[in-house]
Every structure is written in C-alpha cells, then in structure tokens.
Amino acid sequence: MRIHLNQLKVIFTLLLAFGFCMTYAQDEPFADLPPTSEYGKCYAKCKIPDVYETVSVQKLKKEASTKLVKVPAVYETVTETVLAKEASIKYKTIPATFKTVTEQVMVEPEKTKVQTIPAKYRTESKQVLVSPARGQWVRKKKSASCFSQNPDDCYVACYEEIPAVYRTEKYQVLDTPASTTESVTPAKYKTITKKVIDQPARVEEIPVEAQYKTITKKVLVSPESTREEVIPAIYSDVNEKRLVKEGGFTVWTEILCAERTTSSKVRNVQNALKAAGYDPGPVDGVMGVRTQAALKQYQTDKGLPIGNLNMETLKSLNVQG
C-alpha cells in the first residue's frame, strides 16, 4: 500500500512529539508546579531572549553651579495691643441637698433545681477516607507545541490520577438526647429606707475679664540673607542600548498536549494564520519553521504567550483546543 507524502509528515511529527515528551526526574530548573492540577492538561515554560532598543539620552558635560548674592535685613515700626493682666475665674461652692427614699432589696435569690435525664445512643458504621484521590505531576521535556529545537528550552508537566482509599469504622449516634426538668423557688425581698442625694454639690464660676495696653516696637520684616543665582548645567545627546524586556523562562502556560497536536489541528492553525494576514507556508499539517515564525509574529502582535502552541493562541485564532 502506498502512503501519501503528507501522511508520512504527520506520522514523523507525532513520533518526534512522543519521543521528546519523556518523564524526567533530575536537572529540573524550576521549583514551582503549574497553576492547576486537572487531568488531561499540559503546561510549558519556554525561554525567550532579552529585547533591547537604542535610545537617545542626555549626558552631563558640565555640572550646574551657583553664585551667592547678599540681601540686607528689613525692619518696620508697629503698634500692638498686649495683655497687661490675664483673665481669671472666681469659684463659689454650693453644698449638696438630700432626700429620703424607700426601695425593695433581694434577701434571698430565686433558686432553680435541675434534674438530668441521660441521653441514649445506637451504633452505626461508615466509610472513612484513608487517603483521598490525588493527582501527580509528571514533568516532560520537549513538546510538539514548543518552537525551539533545544529540549532544555521548554518544560512540559502533565497531571495523572491516584485513586482514593477508604476503611469502615463504627461510631455512636445519638438516639434520644439528654433532657432536664427544673423546679423554681421564688426570690425573697424586703423594703428598706435610706437617705440619697437630691442635688449634688456644685461649683459656680465667676469670670474676671483680662486687661490690655498698647505698645510701639521695631520688628524684623525679613532677616539678612543670601540668595543663589544658578548657572545651568550643560548636556549633550548620545545614543545608548537599553533593555526593554528581560528574557528568560516564561510562566507556566497551558499548551496543546502532544497527543492532541494532530496534523489536522496544525492545518487549522495554518489556515487561521493565513486568514489573519500571516504567511505560515504550505498548509501541510506540519509545524515547520515558516509556520512557527508566522505563529510567533502573531503572538507578538497580539500580546499572547510566545514560544509554543498554547491554549490562549488557539482561542485567539478561533481554533478548537
């Protein structure tokens, strides 16, 4: 049976993807794990280079300097009213007045006698979780979704399930709750007479006004001082290279897992790139150099994660993940 050339390309691409996605247990450059632990999802970190730009900046040729100028003091004659004798207060004390009142006071408080009827229980059994179902991250190197051919530039993590373990336990269940009965003995009171304050003692204040006089004096308006005359600095324009964006590994980004990166999916991406005005080369279902370059340019223009076939890019291109 003769195999079509495009079918050979698809098979070769899938073999490369599965060959590079092997579990590794050492040389891990990252201590963190992907943000979510969901089965069937894969994530990647990809290395991106530093980005620089050339800008024109001003360099100081001669520093600014200053010159001191003396300014004499200024005075003026003023009149003002000053305090001759401060205001004061005289105090007058008015004594308290009293009255006789009667009131009820408790001689013996109310008493309550409580009798307890104990609770009744029955035995039941239940399933107790010994260890919950959990997932385990498996780190993998290189994916068909990553652009770089260097396996150290992309790291992929996939989540696998470990089932839960249970045991049977017996326990006591309340059948009839405990209850109480109460008997109350009323409180006892008596009437007493006592003398209480009707109006408390108080102090009345009698204010005494302050006394003032007018005086004339010479006052300083502004003291002797110096002022600085500034001689501006001299600058020149020079060009220098400036870091715009620091490279390094990206954050964990959800990507299309290797087993889902089919030739059909790649063709859909190539068609979407062409429709968006980017040239991915021939629509052959192979993630080649031209397709990767077009995809990277699209990601850069749209502000999307760069370096792999991630879910955000598929969503932007309206391609089903």
Protein backbone atom coordinates (compact mmCIF):
# COMPACT_ATOMS: atom_id res chain seq x y z
CA MET A 1 0.00 0.00 0.00
CA ARG A 2 1.40 3.42 -0.99
CA ILE A 3 1.44 6.06 1.82
CA HIS A 4 0.80 9.70 0.83
CA LEU A 5 3.66 12.18 1.49
CA ASN A 6 1.51 14.33 3.84
CA GLN A 7 0.59 11.24 5.90
CA LEU A 8 4.34 10.48 6.30
CA LYS A 9 4.91 14.05 7.55
CA VAL A 10 2.11 13.73 10.13
CA ILE A 11 3.46 10.37 11.41
CA PHE A 12 7.01 11.76 11.64
CA THR A 13 5.81 14.84 13.59
CA LEU A 14 3.85 12.72 16.11
CA LEU A 15 6.82 10.35 16.60
CA LEU A 16 9.06 13.35 17.37
CA ALA A 17 6.49 14.76 19.83
CA PHE A 18 6.11 11.48 21.76
CA GLY A 19 9.86 10.81 21.62
CA PHE A 20 10.74 14.12 23.29
CA CYS A 21 7.92 14.05 25.91
CA MET A 22 9.69 11.57 28.29
CA THR A 23 9.38 11.73 32.09
CA TYR A 24 12.46 13.15 33.81
CA ALA A 25 13.46 13.05 37.50
CA GLN A 26 16.54 15.31 37.63
CA ASP A 27 18.01 18.57 36.18
CA GLU A 28 14.70 20.42 36.88
CA PRO A 29 15.38 24.21 36.77
CA PHE A 30 12.04 25.16 38.39
CA ALA A 31 10.81 24.60 41.95
CA ASP A 32 7.22 25.64 41.15
CA LEU A 33 4.49 23.50 39.53
CA PRO A 34 1.77 24.51 37.04
CA PRO A 35 -1.12 26.56 38.50
CA THR A 36 -3.92 23.91 38.24
CA SER A 37 -3.98 20.13 38.76
CA GLU A 38 -6.51 18.89 36.17
CA TYR A 39 -6.27 15.60 34.34
CA GLY A 40 -5.58 15.79 30.62
CA LYS A 41 -3.96 19.26 30.78
CA CYS A 42 -0.32 20.12 29.91
CA TYR A 43 1.74 23.23 30.65
CA ALA A 44 5.08 24.58 29.40
CA LYS A 45 7.80 27.11 30.27
CA CYS A 46 9.73 28.42 27.23
CA LYS A 47 12.91 30.51 27.07
CA ILE A 48 12.65 33.93 25.37
CA PRO A 49 15.63 36.28 24.64
CA ASP A 50 16.21 39.77 26.08
CA VAL A 51 14.78 42.66 23.99
CA TYR A 52 16.81 45.89 23.60
CA GLU A 53 16.26 49.30 21.92
CA THR A 54 18.58 52.17 21.04
CA VAL A 55 17.56 55.47 22.64
CA SER A 56 18.97 58.99 22.64
CA VAL A 57 19.80 60.28 26.14
CA GLN A 58 21.34 63.46 27.51
CA LYS A 59 24.76 63.17 29.20
CA LEU A 60 26.06 65.82 31.60
CA LYS A 61 29.12 67.70 30.21
CA LYS A 62 29.36 70.40 32.87
CA GLU A 63 27.52 70.44 36.20
CA ALA A 64 25.28 73.35 37.25
CA SER A 65 26.84 75.87 39.70
CA THR A 66 25.61 78.70 41.95
CA LYS A 67 26.64 82.27 42.87
CA LEU A 68 25.74 83.82 46.29
CA VAL A 69 24.24 87.40 46.46
CA LYS A 70 23.82 89.18 49.89
CA VAL A 71 20.33 90.61 50.73
CA PRO A 72 20.20 93.09 53.76
CA ALA A 73 17.65 92.78 56.61
CA VAL A 74 14.37 94.85 56.53
CA TYR A 75 12.62 96.36 59.65
CA GLU A 76 9.35 98.28 60.36
CA THR A 77 7.75 100.05 63.35
CA VAL A 78 4.43 98.60 64.57
CA THR A 79 1.97 99.16 67.40
CA GLU A 80 0.17 96.30 69.09
CA THR A 81 -2.13 95.58 72.00
CA VAL A 82 -0.59 93.31 74.64
CA LEU A 83 -2.02 91.56 77.67
CA ALA A 84 -1.44 93.53 80.94
CA LYS A 85 -3.36 91.18 83.23
CA GLU A 86 -4.76 87.78 82.29
CA ALA A 87 -8.43 86.92 82.63
CA SER A 88 -9.26 84.82 85.70
CA ILE A 89 -12.12 82.91 87.29
CA LYS A 90 -13.57 83.07 90.84
CA TYR A 91 -15.28 79.96 92.24
CA LYS A 92 -18.36 79.72 94.57
CA THR A 93 -19.30 76.35 96.19
CA ILE A 94 -23.00 75.39 96.62
CA PRO A 95 -23.49 72.38 99.00
CA ALA A 96 -25.49 69.22 98.13
CA THR A 97 -29.13 68.56 99.23
CA PHE A 98 -30.55 65.15 100.28
CA LYS A 99 -33.91 63.25 100.37
CA THR A 100 -35.26 60.02 101.98
CA VAL A 101 -36.36 57.11 99.68
CA THR A 102 -37.58 53.51 100.13
CA GLU A 103 -36.71 50.55 97.88
CA GLN A 104 -37.08 46.78 97.58
CA VAL A 105 -33.89 44.74 98.06
CA MET A 106 -33.36 40.99 97.50
CA VAL A 107 -32.86 38.98 100.70
CA GLU A 108 -32.66 35.56 99.05
CA PRO A 109 -32.29 34.99 95.26
CA GLU A 110 -34.50 32.74 93.14
CA LYS A 111 -33.36 29.08 93.22
CA THR A 112 -33.67 26.57 90.40
CA LYS A 113 -33.25 22.80 90.89
CA VAL A 114 -32.31 20.91 87.70
CA GLN A 115 -32.67 17.10 87.24
CA THR A 116 -30.86 15.49 84.25
CA ILE A 117 -32.23 12.56 82.20
CA PRO A 118 -29.24 10.92 80.36
CA ALA A 119 -29.11 10.53 76.54
CA LYS A 120 -29.48 7.19 74.66
CA TYR A 121 -27.20 6.10 71.75
CA ARG A 122 -27.09 3.50 68.93
CA THR A 123 -24.15 2.04 66.97
CA GLU A 124 -23.75 2.70 63.21
CA SER A 125 -20.92 2.22 60.68
CA LYS A 126 -19.47 4.49 57.96
CA GLN A 127 -16.79 4.59 55.27
CA VAL A 128 -13.81 6.77 56.28
CA LEU A 129 -11.37 8.24 53.76
CA VAL A 130 -7.84 6.98 54.49
CA SER A 131 -6.15 8.80 51.63
CA PRO A 132 -8.01 10.99 49.11
CA ALA A 133 -7.79 10.71 45.37
CA ARG A 134 -4.91 12.83 44.24
CA GLY A 135 -3.01 13.83 41.16
CA GLN A 136 0.68 13.58 40.44
CA TRP A 137 2.59 15.93 38.11
CA VAL A 138 4.83 14.18 35.58
CA ARG A 139 7.47 16.51 34.12
CA LYS A 140 8.35 16.02 30.44
CA LYS A 141 10.91 17.52 28.09
CA LYS A 142 10.10 18.92 24.61
CA SER A 143 6.66 19.00 23.03
CA ALA A 144 5.36 19.38 19.52
CA SER A 145 3.77 22.61 20.77
CA CYS A 146 7.17 24.19 21.60
CA PHE A 147 9.04 26.04 18.82
CA SER A 148 12.66 25.63 19.97
CA GLN A 149 14.58 22.52 18.91
CA ASN A 150 16.63 22.68 22.14
CA PRO A 151 14.88 20.29 24.65
CA ASP A 152 16.18 22.43 27.55
CA ASP A 153 14.18 25.48 26.33
CA CYS A 154 10.69 24.01 27.04
CA TYR A 155 9.43 22.01 30.00
CA VAL A 156 6.03 20.27 29.98
CA ALA A 157 4.10 18.97 33.04
CA CYS A 158 1.08 16.58 32.77
CA TYR A 159 -1.23 15.52 35.64
CA GLU A 160 -2.02 11.81 36.45
CA GLU A 161 -4.64 10.39 38.91
CA ILE A 162 -4.08 8.16 42.03
CA PRO A 163 -7.48 6.79 43.35
CA ALA A 164 -8.76 7.31 46.94
CA VAL A 165 -8.53 4.60 49.72
CA TYR A 166 -11.32 4.01 52.35
CA ARG A 167 -11.88 1.92 55.59
CA THR A 168 -15.05 1.02 57.57
CA GLU A 169 -15.48 2.48 61.08
CA LYS A 170 -18.22 2.03 63.74
CA TYR A 171 -19.45 5.00 65.77
CA GLN A 172 -22.13 6.01 68.31
CA VAL A 173 -25.14 8.04 67.14
CA LEU A 174 -27.46 9.95 69.46
CA ASP A 175 -30.88 8.24 69.53
CA THR A 176 -32.58 10.19 72.33
CA PRO A 177 -30.85 13.38 73.56
CA ALA A 178 -30.34 14.11 77.26
CA SER A 179 -33.04 16.29 78.87
CA THR A 180 -33.62 18.18 82.12
CA THR A 181 -36.51 19.11 84.40
CA GLU A 182 -36.49 22.26 86.55
CA SER A 183 -38.26 23.34 89.78
CA VAL A 184 -38.07 27.04 90.76
CA THR A 185 -38.15 28.59 94.29
CA PRO A 186 -39.05 32.33 94.03
CA ALA A 187 -36.69 35.05 95.35
CA LYS A 188 -37.42 36.84 98.72
CA TYR A 189 -37.36 40.68 99.12
CA LYS A 190 -37.66 43.33 101.93
CA THR A 191 -38.29 47.10 101.97
CA ILE A 192 -35.57 49.49 103.25
CA THR A 193 -35.42 53.29 103.79
CA LYS A 194 -32.30 55.33 103.05
CA LYS A 195 -31.06 58.90 102.52
CA VAL A 196 -29.84 59.77 98.97
CA ILE A 197 -28.50 62.90 97.22
CA ASP A 198 -31.27 65.05 95.73
CA GLN A 199 -28.94 67.62 94.12
CA PRO A 200 -25.13 67.13 94.24
CA ALA A 201 -22.75 69.82 95.45
CA ARG A 202 -21.57 72.11 92.66
CA VAL A 203 -19.15 74.95 91.97
CA GLU A 204 -20.19 78.13 90.15
CA GLU A 205 -17.59 80.02 88.07
CA ILE A 206 -17.46 83.86 88.11
CA PRO A 207 -15.25 85.16 85.24
CA VAL A 208 -12.89 88.18 85.68
CA GLU A 209 -12.04 89.93 82.37
CA ALA A 210 -8.44 90.40 81.16
CA GLN A 211 -6.76 93.88 80.95
CA TYR A 212 -4.76 95.09 77.87
CA LYS A 213 -2.39 98.02 76.90
CA THR A 214 -0.99 99.38 73.56
CA ILE A 215 2.81 99.44 72.85
CA THR A 216 5.05 100.53 69.91
CA LYS A 217 8.10 98.50 68.77
CA LYS A 218 10.51 97.90 65.87
CA VAL A 219 10.15 94.43 64.32
CA LEU A 220 12.16 92.45 61.77
CA VAL A 221 10.28 92.02 58.48
CA SER A 222 12.92 89.93 56.74
CA PRO A 223 16.36 88.94 58.13
CA GLU A 224 19.65 89.44 56.35
CA SER A 225 20.11 86.60 53.87
CA THR A 226 21.81 85.41 50.74
CA ARG A 227 20.29 84.18 47.52
CA GLU A 228 21.72 81.85 44.90
CA GLU A 229 21.99 82.62 41.21
CA VAL A 230 22.02 79.32 39.31
CA ILE A 231 24.28 78.70 36.32
CA PRO A 232 22.58 75.87 34.36
CA ALA A 233 24.31 72.57 33.59
CA ILE A 234 25.44 71.74 30.03
CA TYR A 235 24.31 68.46 28.37
CA SER A 236 24.99 66.58 25.12
CA ASP A 237 22.87 63.94 23.30
CA VAL A 238 24.30 60.38 22.99
CA ASN A 239 22.85 57.05 21.82
CA GLU A 240 22.84 54.03 24.16
CA LYS A 241 21.43 50.49 24.18
CA ARG A 242 18.65 49.96 26.75
CA LEU A 243 16.95 46.73 27.93
CA VAL A 244 13.24 46.92 27.00
CA LYS A 245 12.17 43.48 28.22
CA GLU A 246 14.21 40.92 30.14
CA GLY A 247 14.24 37.42 28.69
CA GLY A 248 14.33 34.08 30.49
CA PHE A 249 11.78 31.35 31.01
CA THR A 250 8.09 32.29 30.79
CA VAL A 251 5.48 31.45 33.44
CA TRP A 252 3.66 28.11 33.16
CA THR A 253 1.38 28.36 30.11
CA GLU A 254 -1.30 25.80 29.20
CA ILE A 255 -0.39 24.18 25.85
CA LEU A 256 -1.89 21.63 23.50
CA CYS A 257 -0.71 18.19 24.71
CA ALA A 258 1.39 16.10 22.29
CA GLU A 259 -1.32 13.51 21.65
CA ARG A 260 -3.73 16.32 20.63
CA THR A 261 -1.26 18.13 18.30
CA THR A 262 -2.51 16.34 15.20
CA SER A 263 -1.82 17.29 11.58
CA SER A 264 -5.48 18.30 11.26
CA LYS A 265 -5.10 20.68 14.20
CA VAL A 266 -1.90 22.18 12.70
CA ARG A 267 -3.68 22.67 9.34
CA ASN A 268 -6.48 24.57 11.14
CA VAL A 269 -3.85 26.83 12.75
CA GLN A 270 -2.15 27.41 9.37
CA ASN A 271 -5.47 28.32 7.73
CA ALA A 272 -6.33 30.70 10.63
CA LEU A 273 -2.92 32.41 10.35
CA LYS A 274 -3.41 32.90 6.59
CA ALA A 275 -6.88 34.37 7.21
CA ALA A 276 -5.32 36.78 9.76
CA GLY A 277 -2.73 38.02 7.22
CA TYR A 278 0.29 35.90 8.25
CA ASP A 279 2.25 33.51 5.97
CA PRO A 280 2.69 30.02 7.56
CA GLY A 281 3.97 28.47 4.30
CA PRO A 282 2.14 25.50 2.74
CA VAL A 283 -0.95 24.21 4.62
CA ASP A 284 0.53 20.74 5.14
CA GLY A 285 -0.28 19.98 8.81
CA VAL A 286 3.42 20.21 9.81
CA MET A 287 4.66 22.70 12.46
CA GLY A 288 7.65 23.73 10.31
CA VAL A 289 9.98 26.73 10.52
CA ARG A 290 7.73 29.05 8.47
CA THR A 291 4.63 28.10 10.47
CA GLN A 292 6.49 28.65 13.75
CA ALA A 293 7.77 32.06 12.55
CA ALA A 294 4.27 33.19 11.49
CA LEU A 295 2.75 31.93 14.76
CA LYS A 296 5.44 33.72 16.84
CA GLN A 297 4.83 37.00 14.94
CA TYR A 298 1.05 36.64 15.50
CA GLN A 299 1.63 36.04 19.24
CA THR A 300 3.93 39.08 19.46
CA ASP A 301 1.44 41.36 17.64
CA LYS A 302 -1.49 40.19 19.81
CA GLY A 303 0.37 40.23 23.16
CA LEU A 304 -0.04 36.44 23.60
CA PRO A 305 2.35 33.94 25.30
CA ILE A 306 5.25 33.25 22.89
CA GLY A 307 7.22 30.07 22.13
CA ASN A 308 4.63 27.30 21.95
CA LEU A 309 1.20 26.31 20.63
CA ASN A 310 -0.69 27.43 23.77
CA MET A 311 -4.42 27.49 24.51
CA GLU A 312 -4.63 31.32 24.56
CA THR A 313 -3.26 31.46 20.99
CA LEU A 314 -5.70 28.75 19.79
CA LYS A 315 -8.60 30.71 21.33
CA SER A 316 -7.41 33.95 19.66
CA LEU A 317 -7.26 32.14 16.27
CA ASN A 318 -10.75 30.60 16.86
CA VAL A 319 -9.24 27.09 16.61
CA GLN A 320 -10.78 24.42 18.87
CA GLY A 321 -8.26 23.21 21.55
